Amino acid sequence: MTRRRIFTLLVLIFGLAAQASAASYPLIIQITPLSSITTIVSALGGTVVDSIPGANTYLLNVPVVPSSTIASLLGIQVMELNTGITLPGFVQVGVLAAPPGTPPDWYKAQPSMLLIRSANALTYSRGRGVVVADINSKVDVGHPALIGHLTSGYDFVTNKPSGTSALNQSSSSFVDQSSSSFVDQSSSSFVDQSSSSFVDTSGILGAGNPAYSHGTLCAGIIAVVAPDSMIMPLRAFDDQGSADIFTLAKAIRYAVQQGAQVINMSFGTLQNSQTLRSAVTYAQERNVILVASAGNNDTSAPQYPAAFSGVLTTAATDLLDKKASFSNYGSVVYVDAPGTNIFSSYPGGYYSVASGTSFSAPVIAGTAALIRSLNAAGVANSIAAGAINIDSQNPDYVHQLGYGRIDVLNAVEPN
């Protein structure tokens, strides 16, 4: 570094320090391999809160966000504020108590699973040898439907370093009051009221939390679509359904480093985050299949990570192959899967009926595991080739629903 550049840098840093106040900003930075994080932190007058192993990426608390000029001089390649992400809201119709003796995976025979022929596909593959990471809220690891389906995961919430913070971000949640009080008639007959019943959730501890059942519901879907795969539960969302960009990027990289071949991401943000994009690229370069929910806002506006290139973005459909009223659509959608009135596992040994693209994505993640168990290459192409074109059922969304609705048997069955 020349004397002139050193002088310029010192002047800029002095000016930066003069602007500092009692405020603190959560700043994500990615630095060059030759840069010193110690020097950078000292220059910015901040502290290191956390880091992502092997990524030269750090979460800092700084008194003021540096200009791009100062950042470049310090050797910072990427810089963005750590913003919060909230789990998408979803419709939960009710919670079921299965009678004693009922097989824990009884919901595999629900109408949505029959439509996509998931059980038929198990003749060819059950997903053995494939690890599916699910980045989500806390999972009920003792649920009967999940016992034997889980491998070691990680709790990023409990293990989050002190001082971690994120800027609040408005939630893009969805609660459809018009459909929250009933089960679609075409699937309600699946529930035999003589042997199972809806329960009052008011007495279930934690049932009111936004994230209470989200992780368990998603894991239950993966478990019945790819029963011999192993699900890696990665808790990135707390009990209020909150996470942040840095934690999610760290979770994606962790999943890859721990051997996941498929990652399910039933979440999204409107922020086109460079940090999140870098983590997705890191996974893709290592032949990891990433699946994401399209979102529940009935819009073609992109959300991330769903809109990143190469991600298998999933929209939601109903039993008539029509786009779910809440589901996002558009050019970023790769394929569709049932996402209305989906039966799955619920914490405490219960089961639930829920709607949202959050529950469409695990169907695709499970299908990817089935194919990956047979062949490490061509997973996305097989899913696309096996999909059923549903444009005729959706005249207002022609070419907006990707390759169509998933057919698991078509995707897995040898040509």
Protein backbone atom coordinates (compact mmCIF):
# COMPACT_ATOMS: atom_id res chain seq x y z
CA MET A 1 0.00 0.00 0.00
CA THR A 2 1.48 3.40 -1.00
CA ARG A 3 1.96 6.24 1.50
CA ARG A 4 -0.67 8.27 -0.34
CA ARG A 5 -3.23 5.46 -0.02
CA ILE A 6 -2.37 4.95 3.66
CA PHE A 7 -2.83 8.69 4.26
CA THR A 8 -6.16 8.66 2.42
CA LEU A 9 -7.33 5.66 4.40
CA LEU A 10 -6.38 7.27 7.71
CA VAL A 11 -8.23 10.46 6.80
CA LEU A 12 -11.33 8.53 5.85
CA ILE A 13 -11.23 6.40 8.99
CA PHE A 14 -10.74 9.50 11.13
CA GLY A 15 -13.80 11.02 9.50
CA LEU A 16 -15.72 7.82 10.10
CA ALA A 17 -14.81 7.75 13.77
CA ALA A 18 -15.90 11.35 14.13
CA GLN A 19 -19.39 10.34 12.92
CA ALA A 20 -19.71 7.52 15.43
CA SER A 21 -22.48 7.73 17.99
CA ALA A 22 -24.01 5.48 20.62
CA ALA A 23 -25.94 3.70 17.86
CA SER A 24 -24.91 0.22 16.80
CA TYR A 25 -25.56 -1.41 13.45
CA PRO A 26 -25.43 -5.15 12.67
CA LEU A 27 -23.21 -5.32 9.61
CA ILE A 28 -22.34 -8.38 7.53
CA ILE A 29 -19.03 -8.18 5.70
CA GLN A 30 -17.13 -10.55 3.44
CA ILE A 31 -13.45 -9.75 3.19
CA THR A 32 -10.63 -10.70 0.85
CA PRO A 33 -8.43 -13.63 1.91
CA LEU A 34 -5.49 -11.31 2.54
CA SER A 35 -7.45 -8.79 4.63
CA SER A 36 -7.18 -8.69 8.42
CA ILE A 37 -10.49 -8.79 10.28
CA THR A 38 -8.69 -7.43 13.35
CA THR A 39 -7.51 -4.38 11.42
CA ILE A 40 -10.94 -3.85 9.87
CA VAL A 41 -12.79 -4.06 13.18
CA SER A 42 -10.30 -1.71 14.82
CA ALA A 43 -10.64 0.78 11.98
CA LEU A 44 -14.43 0.71 12.18
CA GLY A 45 -14.50 0.91 15.94
CA GLY A 46 -16.75 -2.15 16.12
CA THR A 47 -16.79 -5.68 17.46
CA VAL A 48 -16.99 -9.14 15.89
CA VAL A 49 -20.21 -10.90 16.90
CA ASP A 50 -20.03 -14.05 14.78
CA SER A 51 -18.40 -15.59 11.72
CA ILE A 52 -19.14 -18.21 9.08
CA PRO A 53 -16.35 -20.81 8.98
CA GLY A 54 -14.40 -20.89 5.73
CA ALA A 55 -16.32 -18.03 4.15
CA ASN A 56 -14.33 -14.94 5.25
CA THR A 57 -17.73 -13.62 6.33
CA TYR A 58 -18.36 -11.87 9.64
CA LEU A 59 -21.18 -10.27 11.55
CA LEU A 60 -20.07 -7.04 13.22
CA ASN A 61 -21.63 -4.45 15.46
CA VAL A 62 -20.39 -1.06 14.28
CA PRO A 63 -21.20 2.49 15.38
CA VAL A 64 -21.68 3.65 11.80
CA VAL A 65 -21.87 1.92 8.43
CA PRO A 66 -18.78 2.79 6.35
CA SER A 67 -19.01 4.17 2.86
CA SER A 68 -18.26 1.90 -0.07
CA THR A 69 -14.97 3.77 -0.57
CA ILE A 70 -13.77 3.02 2.95
CA ALA A 71 -15.01 -0.55 2.69
CA SER A 72 -13.02 -1.11 -0.48
CA LEU A 73 -9.86 0.38 1.01
CA LEU A 74 -10.20 -1.90 4.03
CA GLY A 75 -10.53 -5.00 1.84
CA ILE A 76 -14.28 -5.53 2.29
CA GLN A 77 -15.78 -7.22 -0.77
CA VAL A 78 -19.41 -7.48 0.32
CA MET A 79 -21.19 -5.36 2.90
CA GLU A 80 -24.85 -5.35 3.95
CA LEU A 81 -26.90 -4.81 7.06
CA ASN A 82 -28.15 -7.92 8.79
CA THR A 83 -31.91 -7.77 8.37
CA GLY A 84 -34.54 -9.91 10.00
CA ILE A 85 -36.66 -12.56 8.28
CA THR A 86 -39.97 -13.87 9.59
CA LEU A 87 -41.37 -17.30 8.82
CA PRO A 88 -44.28 -17.05 6.39
CA GLY A 89 -47.70 -17.22 7.95
CA PHE A 90 -49.93 -20.09 6.94
CA VAL A 91 -53.45 -21.38 7.37
CA GLN A 92 -53.84 -24.06 9.99
CA VAL A 93 -57.29 -25.60 9.80
CA GLY A 94 -57.06 -27.77 12.86
CA VAL A 95 -55.07 -30.23 14.97
CA LEU A 96 -55.86 -33.93 15.01
CA ALA A 97 -55.35 -36.62 17.61
CA ALA A 98 -54.83 -40.02 16.02
CA PRO A 99 -56.30 -42.96 17.97
CA PRO A 100 -54.00 -45.52 19.61
CA GLY A 101 -52.59 -48.06 17.21
CA THR A 102 -52.74 -45.75 14.20
CA PRO A 103 -49.56 -45.99 12.10
CA PRO A 104 -47.57 -42.77 12.62
CA ASP A 105 -47.30 -42.22 8.85
CA TRP A 106 -51.06 -42.69 8.21
CA TYR A 107 -51.24 -39.32 6.46
CA LYS A 108 -49.15 -40.63 3.55
CA ALA A 109 -52.46 -41.79 2.02
CA GLN A 110 -54.01 -38.31 2.02
CA PRO A 111 -55.55 -37.07 -1.26
CA SER A 112 -52.63 -34.74 -2.07
CA MET A 113 -50.14 -37.58 -1.83
CA LEU A 114 -52.34 -39.86 -3.91
CA LEU A 115 -52.56 -37.14 -6.57
CA ILE A 116 -48.78 -36.90 -6.94
CA ARG A 117 -48.34 -40.71 -6.67
CA SER A 118 -45.70 -40.45 -3.98
CA ALA A 119 -46.33 -43.93 -2.58
CA ASN A 120 -46.06 -45.51 -6.03
CA ALA A 121 -42.61 -44.00 -6.46
CA LEU A 122 -41.28 -45.86 -3.43
CA THR A 123 -41.09 -49.01 -5.55
CA TYR A 124 -38.09 -47.44 -7.29
CA SER A 125 -36.52 -45.35 -4.53
CA ARG A 126 -37.06 -44.55 -0.87
CA GLY A 127 -34.27 -41.99 -0.61
CA ARG A 128 -31.78 -44.21 1.20
CA GLY A 129 -28.37 -42.62 1.71
CA VAL A 130 -29.56 -39.05 1.12
CA VAL A 131 -29.52 -36.34 3.80
CA VAL A 132 -32.15 -33.61 3.49
CA ALA A 133 -31.43 -30.52 5.57
CA ASP A 134 -34.49 -28.51 6.58
CA ILE A 135 -33.76 -24.94 7.69
CA ASN A 136 -36.75 -24.13 9.84
CA SER A 137 -38.11 -23.65 13.33
CA LYS A 138 -37.77 -26.15 16.16
CA VAL A 139 -38.79 -29.74 15.32
CA ASP A 140 -40.48 -32.17 17.67
CA VAL A 141 -37.78 -34.84 17.43
CA GLY A 142 -39.84 -37.25 19.52
CA HIS A 143 -42.88 -37.23 17.25
CA PRO A 144 -43.80 -40.81 16.25
CA ALA A 145 -43.91 -39.83 12.57
CA LEU A 146 -40.31 -38.55 12.76
CA ILE A 147 -38.63 -41.18 14.90
CA GLY A 148 -36.05 -42.96 12.76
CA HIS A 149 -36.15 -40.23 10.10
CA LEU A 150 -33.88 -37.64 11.74
CA THR A 151 -30.12 -37.28 11.79
CA SER A 152 -28.06 -34.88 13.89
CA GLY A 153 -28.99 -31.26 13.35
CA TYR A 154 -28.01 -27.97 14.93
CA ASP A 155 -29.78 -25.27 16.91
CA PHE A 156 -28.57 -21.90 15.66
CA VAL A 157 -31.02 -20.11 17.96
CA THR A 158 -29.81 -21.57 21.25
CA ASN A 159 -26.18 -21.29 20.13
CA LYS A 160 -26.44 -17.74 18.79
CA PRO A 161 -23.63 -15.57 20.21
CA SER A 162 -24.56 -12.77 22.58
CA GLY A 163 -24.77 -9.41 20.88
CA THR A 164 -26.34 -10.80 17.73
CA SER A 165 -28.97 -8.47 16.33
CA ALA A 166 -30.82 -7.74 13.13
CA LEU A 167 -32.73 -4.83 11.70
CA ASN A 168 -36.45 -5.47 11.71
CA GLN A 169 -38.08 -6.26 8.42
CA SER A 170 -41.77 -6.28 7.64
CA SER A 171 -43.19 -9.77 7.49
CA SER A 172 -44.66 -11.11 4.26
CA SER A 173 -47.05 -13.43 6.05
CA PHE A 174 -50.31 -14.94 4.91
CA VAL A 175 -53.47 -15.72 6.83
CA ASP A 176 -56.48 -16.47 4.66
CA GLN A 177 -59.46 -16.03 6.96
CA SER A 178 -61.86 -17.25 4.29
CA SER A 179 -60.40 -20.74 4.32
CA SER A 180 -59.16 -21.09 7.87
CA SER A 181 -62.42 -22.55 9.16
CA PHE A 182 -62.84 -25.58 6.96
CA VAL A 183 -61.15 -28.51 5.33
CA ASP A 184 -61.64 -28.72 1.58
CA GLN A 185 -64.59 -31.04 1.04
CA SER A 186 -62.69 -33.20 -1.39
CA SER A 187 -60.20 -34.11 1.33
CA SER A 188 -62.35 -33.95 4.46
CA SER A 189 -63.55 -37.51 3.98
CA PHE A 190 -59.96 -38.63 4.52
CA VAL A 191 -60.42 -37.90 8.21
CA ASP A 192 -62.55 -40.64 9.71
CA GLN A 193 -64.28 -38.87 12.55
CA SER A 194 -65.02 -42.19 14.20
CA SER A 195 -61.33 -42.86 14.75
CA SER A 196 -59.72 -39.43 14.89
CA SER A 197 -60.80 -36.03 16.12
CA PHE A 198 -59.83 -32.39 16.10
CA VAL A 199 -58.46 -31.15 19.41
CA ASP A 200 -58.57 -27.83 21.20
CA THR A 201 -55.09 -26.32 20.89
CA SER A 202 -55.69 -23.69 23.58
CA GLY A 203 -54.29 -26.08 26.17
CA ILE A 204 -51.19 -27.02 24.19
CA LEU A 205 -48.14 -25.19 25.49
CA GLY A 206 -46.61 -23.01 22.79
CA ALA A 207 -49.32 -23.64 20.20
CA GLY A 208 -49.90 -19.91 19.75
CA ASN A 209 -46.34 -19.19 18.62
CA PRO A 210 -45.93 -18.50 14.88
CA ALA A 211 -43.11 -21.03 14.58
CA TYR A 212 -44.52 -23.68 16.90
CA SER A 213 -45.52 -26.23 14.27
CA HIS A 214 -43.83 -25.02 11.07
CA GLY A 215 -40.66 -27.12 11.39
CA THR A 216 -42.49 -30.27 12.47
CA LEU A 217 -45.02 -29.96 9.63
CA CYS A 218 -42.30 -29.62 6.99
CA ALA A 219 -40.24 -32.50 8.39
CA GLY A 220 -43.32 -34.73 8.43
CA ILE A 221 -43.87 -34.17 4.72
CA ILE A 222 -40.28 -35.03 3.82
CA ALA A 223 -40.54 -38.16 5.97
CA VAL A 224 -43.47 -39.63 4.02
CA VAL A 225 -42.24 -38.64 0.55
CA ALA A 226 -38.71 -40.01 1.10
CA PRO A 227 -39.02 -42.31 4.13
CA ASP A 228 -35.49 -43.73 3.99
CA SER A 229 -33.75 -40.38 3.63
CA MET A 230 -32.42 -38.74 6.78
CA ILE A 231 -33.71 -35.30 7.73
CA MET A 232 -31.20 -32.86 9.25
CA PRO A 233 -33.22 -30.37 11.34
CA LEU A 234 -31.50 -26.99 11.42
CA ARG A 235 -33.24 -24.57 13.74
CA ALA A 236 -32.66 -21.04 12.46
CA PHE A 237 -36.03 -19.49 13.43
CA ASP A 238 -36.88 -18.82 17.07
CA ASP A 239 -40.20 -19.42 18.79
CA GLN A 240 -41.53 -16.12 17.46
CA GLY A 241 -40.69 -17.18 13.91
CA SER A 242 -37.76 -14.76 13.59
CA ALA A 243 -34.36 -15.29 11.98
CA ASP A 244 -31.90 -13.11 10.08
CA ILE A 245 -29.84 -13.10 6.89
CA PHE A 246 -26.56 -14.01 8.59
CA THR A 247 -28.00 -17.00 10.49
CA LEU A 248 -29.71 -18.39 7.38
CA ALA A 249 -26.54 -18.07 5.28
CA LYS A 250 -24.60 -19.78 8.06
CA ALA A 251 -27.19 -22.58 8.19
CA ILE A 252 -26.99 -23.21 4.43
CA ARG A 253 -23.20 -23.52 4.54
CA TYR A 254 -23.39 -25.69 7.66
CA ALA A 255 -25.79 -28.07 5.91
CA VAL A 256 -23.39 -28.50 3.00
CA GLN A 257 -20.38 -29.01 5.27
CA GLN A 258 -22.26 -31.65 7.25
CA GLY A 259 -23.07 -33.69 4.16
CA ALA A 260 -26.57 -32.63 3.13
CA GLN A 261 -27.36 -33.35 -0.53
CA VAL A 262 -30.73 -31.57 -0.50
CA ILE A 263 -31.73 -28.42 1.41
CA ASN A 264 -35.34 -27.39 1.99
CA MET A 265 -35.94 -23.65 2.53
CA SER A 266 -39.56 -22.92 3.40
CA PHE A 267 -38.95 -19.23 4.01
CA GLY A 268 -38.30 -16.07 2.07
CA THR A 269 -37.39 -12.40 2.13
CA LEU A 270 -37.90 -9.53 -0.30
CA GLN A 271 -34.25 -8.54 0.16
CA ASN A 272 -31.91 -9.65 -2.61
CA SER A 273 -29.15 -10.43 -0.16
CA GLN A 274 -25.61 -10.92 -1.45
CA THR A 275 -24.76 -12.93 1.67
CA LEU A 276 -27.66 -15.31 1.12
CA ARG A 277 -26.82 -15.54 -2.59
CA SER A 278 -23.21 -16.44 -1.78
CA ALA A 279 -24.34 -19.28 0.50
CA VAL A 280 -26.71 -20.62 -2.17
CA THR A 281 -23.92 -20.52 -4.77
CA TYR A 282 -21.59 -22.30 -2.35
CA ALA A 283 -24.12 -25.14 -2.05
CA GLN A 284 -24.81 -25.36 -5.77
CA GLU A 285 -21.12 -25.56 -6.60
CA ARG A 286 -21.01 -28.69 -4.44
CA ASN A 287 -23.90 -30.36 -6.25
CA VAL A 288 -26.43 -29.73 -3.47
CA ILE A 289 -30.07 -29.40 -4.55
CA LEU A 290 -31.81 -26.37 -3.04
CA VAL A 291 -35.60 -26.14 -2.84
CA ALA A 292 -37.51 -23.02 -1.76
CA SER A 293 -41.12 -21.99 -1.32
CA ALA A 294 -42.37 -19.39 -3.79
CA GLY A 295 -44.22 -17.36 -1.15
CA ASN A 296 -47.79 -16.77 -0.03
CA ASN A 297 -48.61 -13.29 -1.34
CA ASP A 298 -50.34 -14.12 -4.65
CA THR A 299 -47.80 -12.09 -6.59
CA SER A 300 -45.11 -12.55 -9.21
CA ALA A 301 -42.77 -10.26 -7.27
CA PRO A 302 -39.64 -12.28 -6.42
CA GLN A 303 -38.64 -13.33 -2.96
CA TYR A 304 -35.33 -14.88 -1.96
CA PRO A 305 -33.80 -17.45 -1.91
CA ALA A 306 -36.60 -18.63 -4.26
CA ALA A 307 -35.59 -16.19 -6.99
CA PHE A 308 -31.91 -17.15 -7.05
CA SER A 309 -30.85 -18.98 -10.21
CA GLY A 310 -30.84 -22.75 -9.94
CA VAL A 311 -33.11 -22.97 -6.88
CA LEU A 312 -36.10 -25.30 -7.35
CA THR A 313 -38.78 -22.77 -6.48
CA THR A 314 -42.14 -24.32 -5.65
CA ALA A 315 -45.63 -22.84 -6.00
CA ALA A 316 -48.70 -24.33 -4.32
CA THR A 317 -51.68 -25.97 -6.02
CA ASP A 318 -54.91 -27.61 -4.86
CA LEU A 319 -56.43 -31.02 -5.59
CA LEU A 320 -57.85 -29.71 -8.87
CA ASP A 321 -54.38 -28.60 -10.03
CA LYS A 322 -55.34 -24.95 -9.74
CA LYS A 323 -52.93 -22.43 -8.29
CA ALA A 324 -53.66 -21.94 -4.61
CA SER A 325 -55.26 -18.55 -4.07
CA PHE A 326 -52.36 -17.40 -1.89
CA SER A 327 -49.46 -18.84 -3.89
CA ASN A 328 -46.89 -16.69 -5.63
CA TYR A 329 -46.23 -17.39 -9.30
CA GLY A 330 -44.06 -16.09 -12.12
CA SER A 331 -40.88 -16.81 -14.03
CA VAL A 332 -38.96 -17.90 -10.93
CA VAL A 333 -41.28 -20.89 -10.30
CA TYR A 334 -39.70 -24.18 -11.29
CA VAL A 335 -42.46 -26.62 -10.41
CA ASP A 336 -45.64 -26.90 -8.34
CA ALA A 337 -46.83 -29.19 -5.55
CA PRO A 338 -49.99 -29.52 -3.47
CA GLY A 339 -50.06 -26.90 -0.74
CA THR A 340 -53.67 -26.65 0.40
CA ASN A 341 -55.08 -28.65 3.31
CA ILE A 342 -51.95 -30.74 3.76
CA PHE A 343 -51.94 -33.28 6.58
CA SER A 344 -48.66 -33.66 8.46
CA SER A 345 -47.08 -34.11 11.88
CA TYR A 346 -47.70 -31.55 14.62
CA PRO A 347 -45.75 -31.14 17.89
CA GLY A 348 -46.77 -33.26 20.84
CA GLY A 349 -47.62 -36.35 18.85
CA TYR A 350 -50.53 -34.66 17.10
CA TYR A 351 -51.23 -34.05 13.42
CA SER A 352 -52.46 -30.95 11.63
CA VAL A 353 -54.04 -29.69 8.42
CA ALA A 354 -52.28 -26.65 7.00
CA SER A 355 -51.94 -24.63 3.79
CA GLY A 356 -49.02 -22.66 2.37
CA THR A 357 -46.16 -22.89 -0.11
CA SER A 358 -44.08 -23.83 2.94
CA PHE A 359 -45.63 -27.29 2.66
CA SER A 360 -45.26 -27.57 -1.11
CA ALA A 361 -41.49 -27.16 -0.98
CA PRO A 362 -40.84 -30.24 1.24
CA VAL A 363 -42.67 -32.38 -1.32
CA ILE A 364 -40.10 -31.34 -3.92
CA ALA A 365 -37.23 -31.75 -1.44
CA GLY A 366 -38.40 -35.30 -0.71
CA THR A 367 -38.74 -36.04 -4.43
CA ALA A 368 -35.23 -34.71 -5.01
CA ALA A 369 -33.98 -37.12 -2.32
CA LEU A 370 -35.62 -40.07 -4.09
CA ILE A 371 -33.94 -39.18 -7.38
CA ARG A 372 -30.61 -38.32 -5.75
CA SER A 373 -30.58 -41.76 -4.14
CA LEU A 374 -30.55 -43.25 -7.64
CA ASN A 375 -28.38 -40.74 -9.47
CA ALA A 376 -26.33 -37.79 -8.25
CA ALA A 377 -26.84 -35.93 -11.52
CA GLY A 378 -29.91 -34.67 -13.34
CA VAL A 379 -32.18 -34.31 -10.31
CA ALA A 380 -33.78 -31.05 -11.42
CA ASN A 381 -34.24 -32.31 -14.99
CA SER A 382 -35.99 -35.46 -13.76
CA ILE A 383 -38.41 -33.43 -11.64
CA ALA A 384 -39.20 -31.17 -14.59
CA ALA A 385 -39.59 -34.04 -17.03
CA GLY A 386 -42.04 -35.81 -14.74
CA ALA A 387 -44.22 -32.77 -14.04
CA ILE A 388 -47.80 -32.51 -15.29
CA ASN A 389 -48.58 -29.40 -17.33
CA ILE A 390 -51.46 -27.57 -15.63
CA ASP A 391 -51.71 -24.46 -17.81
CA SER A 392 -55.19 -25.47 -19.02
CA GLN A 393 -56.40 -25.48 -15.41
CA ASN A 394 -54.81 -22.08 -14.85
CA PRO A 395 -55.57 -19.88 -17.88
CA ASP A 396 -54.66 -16.73 -15.94
CA TYR A 397 -51.21 -18.11 -15.10
CA VAL A 398 -50.01 -19.68 -18.34
CA HIS A 399 -46.20 -20.00 -18.27
CA GLN A 400 -46.26 -18.68 -14.69
CA LEU A 401 -46.23 -22.04 -12.90
CA GLY A 402 -43.00 -23.53 -14.17
CA TYR A 403 -42.99 -27.03 -15.58
CA GLY A 404 -46.23 -27.91 -13.83
CA ARG A 405 -47.44 -30.00 -10.91
CA ILE A 406 -45.07 -32.64 -9.59
CA ASP A 407 -45.70 -36.33 -10.29
CA VAL A 408 -43.30 -38.22 -8.04
CA LEU A 409 -43.65 -41.52 -9.86
CA ASN A 410 -42.94 -39.91 -13.24
CA ALA A 411 -39.89 -38.18 -11.78
CA VAL A 412 -38.43 -41.32 -10.24
CA GLU A 413 -39.51 -44.09 -12.61
CA PRO A 414 -36.78 -45.16 -15.07
CA ASN A 415 -37.43 -44.07 -18.64
